[in-house]
Amino acid sequence: MTKQELTDRTKRFSVRIVKMVRSLDPDFATKVLLSQVIRSGTSVGANYRAAACIAKSEKDFINKLQIVEEELDETIFWLEILIDTGIIKKENFLN
């Protein structure tokens, strides 16, 4: 996969996160969870773009990719919480 393909893919992921959040009618607890998932989920693409486009060196690129990985892991955690609490259905999110 090229840098451009991954840049596009992470952007599409961010868009899917925003669309998912906008589709829900949240109560207070859900709003808190959704704010977490939208923050970490959209930061994946932004951080990857920074890594791919403006890394100053290979070491800087790797460091930025580690941030992307951390944000993805955090997003997975929040999505699991949303699924485990029944706020979203796993099969609806994966489609």
N, C-alpha and C. Protein backbone atom coordinates (compact mmCIF):
# COMPACT_ATOMS: atom_id res chain seq x y z
N MET A 1 0.85 -1.18 0.00
CA MET A 1 0.00 0.00 0.00
C MET A 1 0.90 1.24 0.00
N THR A 2 0.58 2.19 -0.84
CA THR A 2 1.37 3.41 -0.94
C THR A 2 0.99 4.38 0.18
N LYS A 3 1.82 5.40 0.36
CA LYS A 3 1.50 6.43 1.35
C LYS A 3 0.18 7.11 1.02
N GLN A 4 -0.04 7.38 -0.26
CA GLN A 4 -1.28 8.05 -0.66
C GLN A 4 -2.50 7.16 -0.40
N GLU A 5 -2.38 5.88 -0.69
CA GLU A 5 -3.49 4.96 -0.42
C GLU A 5 -3.81 4.90 1.07
N LEU A 6 -2.78 4.86 1.90
CA LEU A 6 -3.02 4.83 3.35
C LEU A 6 -3.55 6.16 3.85
N THR A 7 -3.09 7.25 3.28
CA THR A 7 -3.64 8.57 3.62
C THR A 7 -5.13 8.61 3.31
N ASP A 8 -5.50 8.14 2.13
CA ASP A 8 -6.91 8.11 1.74
C ASP A 8 -7.72 7.18 2.64
N ARG A 9 -7.15 6.03 2.96
CA ARG A 9 -7.85 5.06 3.80
C ARG A 9 -8.08 5.59 5.22
N THR A 10 -7.07 6.23 5.79
CA THR A 10 -7.25 6.77 7.15
C THR A 10 -8.24 7.93 7.15
N LYS A 11 -8.29 8.69 6.07
CA LYS A 11 -9.28 9.76 5.96
C LYS A 11 -10.69 9.18 5.88
N ARG A 12 -10.86 8.13 5.08
CA ARG A 12 -12.18 7.48 4.98
C ARG A 12 -12.60 6.92 6.35
N PHE A 13 -11.64 6.40 7.11
CA PHE A 13 -11.93 5.91 8.46
C PHE A 13 -12.46 7.05 9.32
N SER A 14 -11.82 8.20 9.26
CA SER A 14 -12.27 9.36 10.04
C SER A 14 -13.69 9.78 9.64
N VAL A 15 -13.96 9.76 8.34
CA VAL A 15 -15.29 10.13 7.86
C VAL A 15 -16.33 9.14 8.38
N ARG A 16 -16.01 7.85 8.37
CA ARG A 16 -16.94 6.84 8.90
C ARG A 16 -17.21 7.05 10.38
N ILE A 17 -16.18 7.42 11.13
CA ILE A 17 -16.36 7.69 12.57
C ILE A 17 -17.33 8.85 12.75
N VAL A 18 -17.12 9.94 12.02
CA VAL A 18 -17.99 11.11 12.14
C VAL A 18 -19.43 10.74 11.76
N LYS A 19 -19.61 10.02 10.68
CA LYS A 19 -20.96 9.62 10.25
C LYS A 19 -21.63 8.73 11.30
N MET A 20 -20.88 7.82 11.90
CA MET A 20 -21.44 6.96 12.94
C MET A 20 -21.91 7.81 14.12
N VAL A 21 -21.07 8.72 14.56
CA VAL A 21 -21.41 9.56 15.71
C VAL A 21 -22.64 10.40 15.40
N ARG A 22 -22.70 10.96 14.21
CA ARG A 22 -23.85 11.81 13.83
C ARG A 22 -25.15 11.02 13.71
N SER A 23 -25.05 9.71 13.47
CA SER A 23 -26.25 8.90 13.28
C SER A 23 -26.94 8.53 14.59
N LEU A 24 -26.27 8.75 15.71
CA LEU A 24 -26.81 8.34 17.01
C LEU A 24 -27.50 9.50 17.71
N ASP A 25 -28.48 9.15 18.54
CA ASP A 25 -29.17 10.14 19.37
C ASP A 25 -28.75 9.85 20.81
N PRO A 26 -27.65 10.43 21.24
CA PRO A 26 -27.03 9.99 22.49
C PRO A 26 -27.61 10.61 23.77
N ASP A 27 -27.57 9.80 24.83
CA ASP A 27 -27.81 10.32 26.17
C ASP A 27 -26.47 10.86 26.68
N PHE A 28 -26.41 11.30 27.91
CA PHE A 28 -25.18 11.93 28.42
C PHE A 28 -23.98 11.00 28.36
N ALA A 29 -24.14 9.77 28.85
CA ALA A 29 -23.01 8.83 28.86
C ALA A 29 -22.54 8.54 27.44
N THR A 30 -23.48 8.37 26.55
CA THR A 30 -23.13 8.09 25.16
C THR A 30 -22.39 9.27 24.54
N LYS A 31 -22.82 10.49 24.86
CA LYS A 31 -22.13 11.68 24.34
C LYS A 31 -20.67 11.69 24.75
N VAL A 32 -20.41 11.33 26.00
CA VAL A 32 -19.03 11.31 26.50
C VAL A 32 -18.22 10.27 25.72
N LEU A 33 -18.78 9.08 25.55
CA LEU A 33 -18.07 8.03 24.81
C LEU A 33 -17.86 8.44 23.36
N LEU A 34 -18.88 9.03 22.75
CA LEU A 34 -18.76 9.43 21.35
C LEU A 34 -17.72 10.54 21.16
N SER A 35 -17.63 11.43 22.13
CA SER A 35 -16.61 12.48 22.00
C SER A 35 -15.21 11.88 22.05
N GLN A 36 -15.05 10.82 22.83
CA GLN A 36 -13.75 10.15 22.89
C GLN A 36 -13.43 9.46 21.56
N VAL A 37 -14.42 8.74 21.02
CA VAL A 37 -14.17 7.99 19.79
C VAL A 37 -13.96 8.93 18.61
N ILE A 38 -14.67 10.04 18.58
CA ILE A 38 -14.47 10.97 17.46
C ILE A 38 -13.11 11.65 17.56
N ARG A 39 -12.66 11.94 18.76
CA ARG A 39 -11.35 12.56 18.93
C ARG A 39 -10.24 11.62 18.48
N SER A 40 -10.26 10.40 19.01
CA SER A 40 -9.18 9.47 18.66
C SER A 40 -9.32 8.97 17.22
N GLY A 41 -10.55 8.73 16.78
CA GLY A 41 -10.77 8.19 15.44
C GLY A 41 -10.37 9.14 14.33
N THR A 42 -10.66 10.41 14.51
CA THR A 42 -10.29 11.37 13.46
C THR A 42 -8.81 11.74 13.54
N SER A 43 -8.21 11.56 14.69
CA SER A 43 -6.80 11.88 14.81
C SER A 43 -5.91 10.87 14.10
N VAL A 44 -6.44 9.68 13.82
CA VAL A 44 -5.67 8.66 13.09
C VAL A 44 -5.23 9.22 11.73
N GLY A 45 -6.18 9.72 10.96
CA GLY A 45 -5.86 10.25 9.63
C GLY A 45 -4.98 11.48 9.69
N ALA A 46 -5.28 12.35 10.64
CA ALA A 46 -4.48 13.57 10.76
C ALA A 46 -3.03 13.26 11.12
N ASN A 47 -2.84 12.33 12.03
CA ASN A 47 -1.48 11.97 12.42
C ASN A 47 -0.76 11.20 11.33
N TYR A 48 -1.48 10.36 10.60
CA TYR A 48 -0.83 9.66 9.49
C TYR A 48 -0.41 10.64 8.40
N ARG A 49 -1.29 11.59 8.12
CA ARG A 49 -0.95 12.59 7.10
C ARG A 49 0.32 13.35 7.51
N ALA A 50 0.41 13.68 8.79
CA ALA A 50 1.61 14.36 9.28
C ALA A 50 2.84 13.47 9.11
N ALA A 51 2.68 12.19 9.39
CA ALA A 51 3.81 11.26 9.25
C ALA A 51 4.22 11.13 7.79
N ALA A 52 3.24 10.94 6.93
CA ALA A 52 3.54 10.69 5.53
C ALA A 52 4.02 11.93 4.80
N CYS A 53 3.51 13.08 5.19
CA CYS A 53 3.77 14.29 4.41
C CYS A 53 4.87 15.18 4.97
N ILE A 54 5.02 15.21 6.28
CA ILE A 54 5.96 16.21 6.82
C ILE A 54 7.00 15.65 7.78
N ALA A 55 7.14 14.34 7.83
CA ALA A 55 8.18 13.77 8.70
C ALA A 55 9.54 14.27 8.22
N LYS A 56 10.35 14.66 9.16
CA LYS A 56 11.65 15.25 8.85
C LYS A 56 12.74 14.20 8.60
N SER A 57 12.49 12.99 9.12
CA SER A 57 13.47 11.93 8.98
C SER A 57 12.75 10.59 9.15
N GLU A 58 13.49 9.52 8.91
CA GLU A 58 12.89 8.19 9.10
C GLU A 58 12.50 7.99 10.57
N LYS A 59 13.33 8.47 11.48
CA LYS A 59 13.04 8.35 12.91
C LYS A 59 11.77 9.14 13.26
N ASP A 60 11.62 10.33 12.71
CA ASP A 60 10.42 11.15 12.93
C ASP A 60 9.19 10.45 12.36
N PHE A 61 9.34 9.86 11.17
CA PHE A 61 8.24 9.12 10.53
C PHE A 61 7.78 7.97 11.42
N ILE A 62 8.73 7.19 11.92
CA ILE A 62 8.40 6.06 12.80
C ILE A 62 7.72 6.54 14.07
N ASN A 63 8.21 7.62 14.64
CA ASN A 63 7.60 8.18 15.85
C ASN A 63 6.15 8.59 15.59
N LYS A 64 5.92 9.25 14.47
CA LYS A 64 4.55 9.67 14.12
C LYS A 64 3.65 8.46 13.87
N LEU A 65 4.20 7.41 13.27
CA LEU A 65 3.41 6.19 13.07
C LEU A 65 3.05 5.53 14.40
N GLN A 66 3.91 5.64 15.37
CA GLN A 66 3.59 5.10 16.70
C GLN A 66 2.41 5.85 17.32
N ILE A 67 2.33 7.14 17.07
CA ILE A 67 1.19 7.93 17.55
C ILE A 67 -0.08 7.47 16.84
N VAL A 68 0.01 7.22 15.54
CA VAL A 68 -1.13 6.71 14.78
C VAL A 68 -1.60 5.38 15.38
N GLU A 69 -0.66 4.51 15.67
CA GLU A 69 -0.99 3.21 16.26
C GLU A 69 -1.68 3.38 17.62
N GLU A 70 -1.19 4.28 18.44
CA GLU A 70 -1.81 4.54 19.75
C GLU A 70 -3.24 5.06 19.58
N GLU A 71 -3.45 5.96 18.64
CA GLU A 71 -4.79 6.50 18.41
C GLU A 71 -5.74 5.43 17.89
N LEU A 72 -5.25 4.56 17.01
CA LEU A 72 -6.07 3.45 16.53
C LEU A 72 -6.45 2.52 17.67
N ASP A 73 -5.50 2.20 18.53
CA ASP A 73 -5.78 1.33 19.66
C ASP A 73 -6.81 1.96 20.60
N GLU A 74 -6.68 3.25 20.86
CA GLU A 74 -7.65 3.95 21.70
C GLU A 74 -9.03 3.95 21.05
N THR A 75 -9.07 4.17 19.74
CA THR A 75 -10.36 4.15 19.02
C THR A 75 -11.01 2.78 19.13
N ILE A 76 -10.22 1.73 18.97
CA ILE A 76 -10.76 0.37 19.10
C ILE A 76 -11.34 0.17 20.49
N PHE A 77 -10.65 0.66 21.52
CA PHE A 77 -11.17 0.55 22.88
C PHE A 77 -12.54 1.21 23.01
N TRP A 78 -12.67 2.45 22.53
CA TRP A 78 -13.95 3.16 22.65
C TRP A 78 -15.04 2.48 21.84
N LEU A 79 -14.69 1.97 20.66
CA LEU A 79 -15.68 1.26 19.85
C LEU A 79 -16.13 -0.02 20.56
N GLU A 80 -15.20 -0.72 21.18
CA GLU A 80 -15.57 -1.91 21.95
C GLU A 80 -16.52 -1.57 23.09
N ILE A 81 -16.27 -0.46 23.76
CA ILE A 81 -17.18 -0.03 24.84
C ILE A 81 -18.55 0.27 24.27
N LEU A 82 -18.61 0.99 23.15
CA LEU A 82 -19.89 1.30 22.52
C LEU A 82 -20.63 0.03 22.10
N ILE A 83 -19.91 -0.94 21.61
CA ILE A 83 -20.51 -2.21 21.20
C ILE A 83 -20.95 -3.01 22.43
N ASP A 84 -20.07 -3.13 23.42
CA ASP A 84 -20.36 -3.94 24.61
C ASP A 84 -21.51 -3.38 25.45
N THR A 85 -21.74 -2.08 25.36
CA THR A 85 -22.85 -1.48 26.11
C THR A 85 -24.13 -1.45 25.29
N GLY A 86 -24.06 -1.91 24.04
CA GLY A 86 -25.24 -1.97 23.20
C GLY A 86 -25.60 -0.65 22.54
N ILE A 87 -24.74 0.34 22.62
CA ILE A 87 -25.01 1.64 22.01
C ILE A 87 -24.96 1.52 20.49
N ILE A 88 -23.99 0.77 20.00
CA ILE A 88 -23.95 0.48 18.57
C ILE A 88 -23.87 -1.03 18.40
N LYS A 89 -24.32 -1.50 17.25
CA LYS A 89 -24.23 -2.92 16.93
C LYS A 89 -22.99 -3.13 16.07
N LYS A 90 -22.22 -4.13 16.45
CA LYS A 90 -20.98 -4.40 15.75
C LYS A 90 -21.21 -4.59 14.25
N GLU A 91 -22.21 -5.35 13.91
CA GLU A 91 -22.45 -5.63 12.49
C GLU A 91 -22.84 -4.37 11.71
N ASN A 92 -23.48 -3.40 12.36
CA ASN A 92 -23.81 -2.14 11.69
C ASN A 92 -22.57 -1.30 11.45
N PHE A 93 -21.64 -1.33 12.36
CA PHE A 93 -20.44 -0.53 12.21
C PHE A 93 -19.51 -1.10 11.14
N LEU A 94 -19.46 -2.40 11.04
CA LEU A 94 -18.53 -3.02 10.10
C LEU A 94 -19.00 -2.92 8.66
N ASN A 95 -20.26 -2.63 8.43
CA ASN A 95 -20.77 -2.53 7.06
C ASN A 95 -20.51 -1.20 6.45
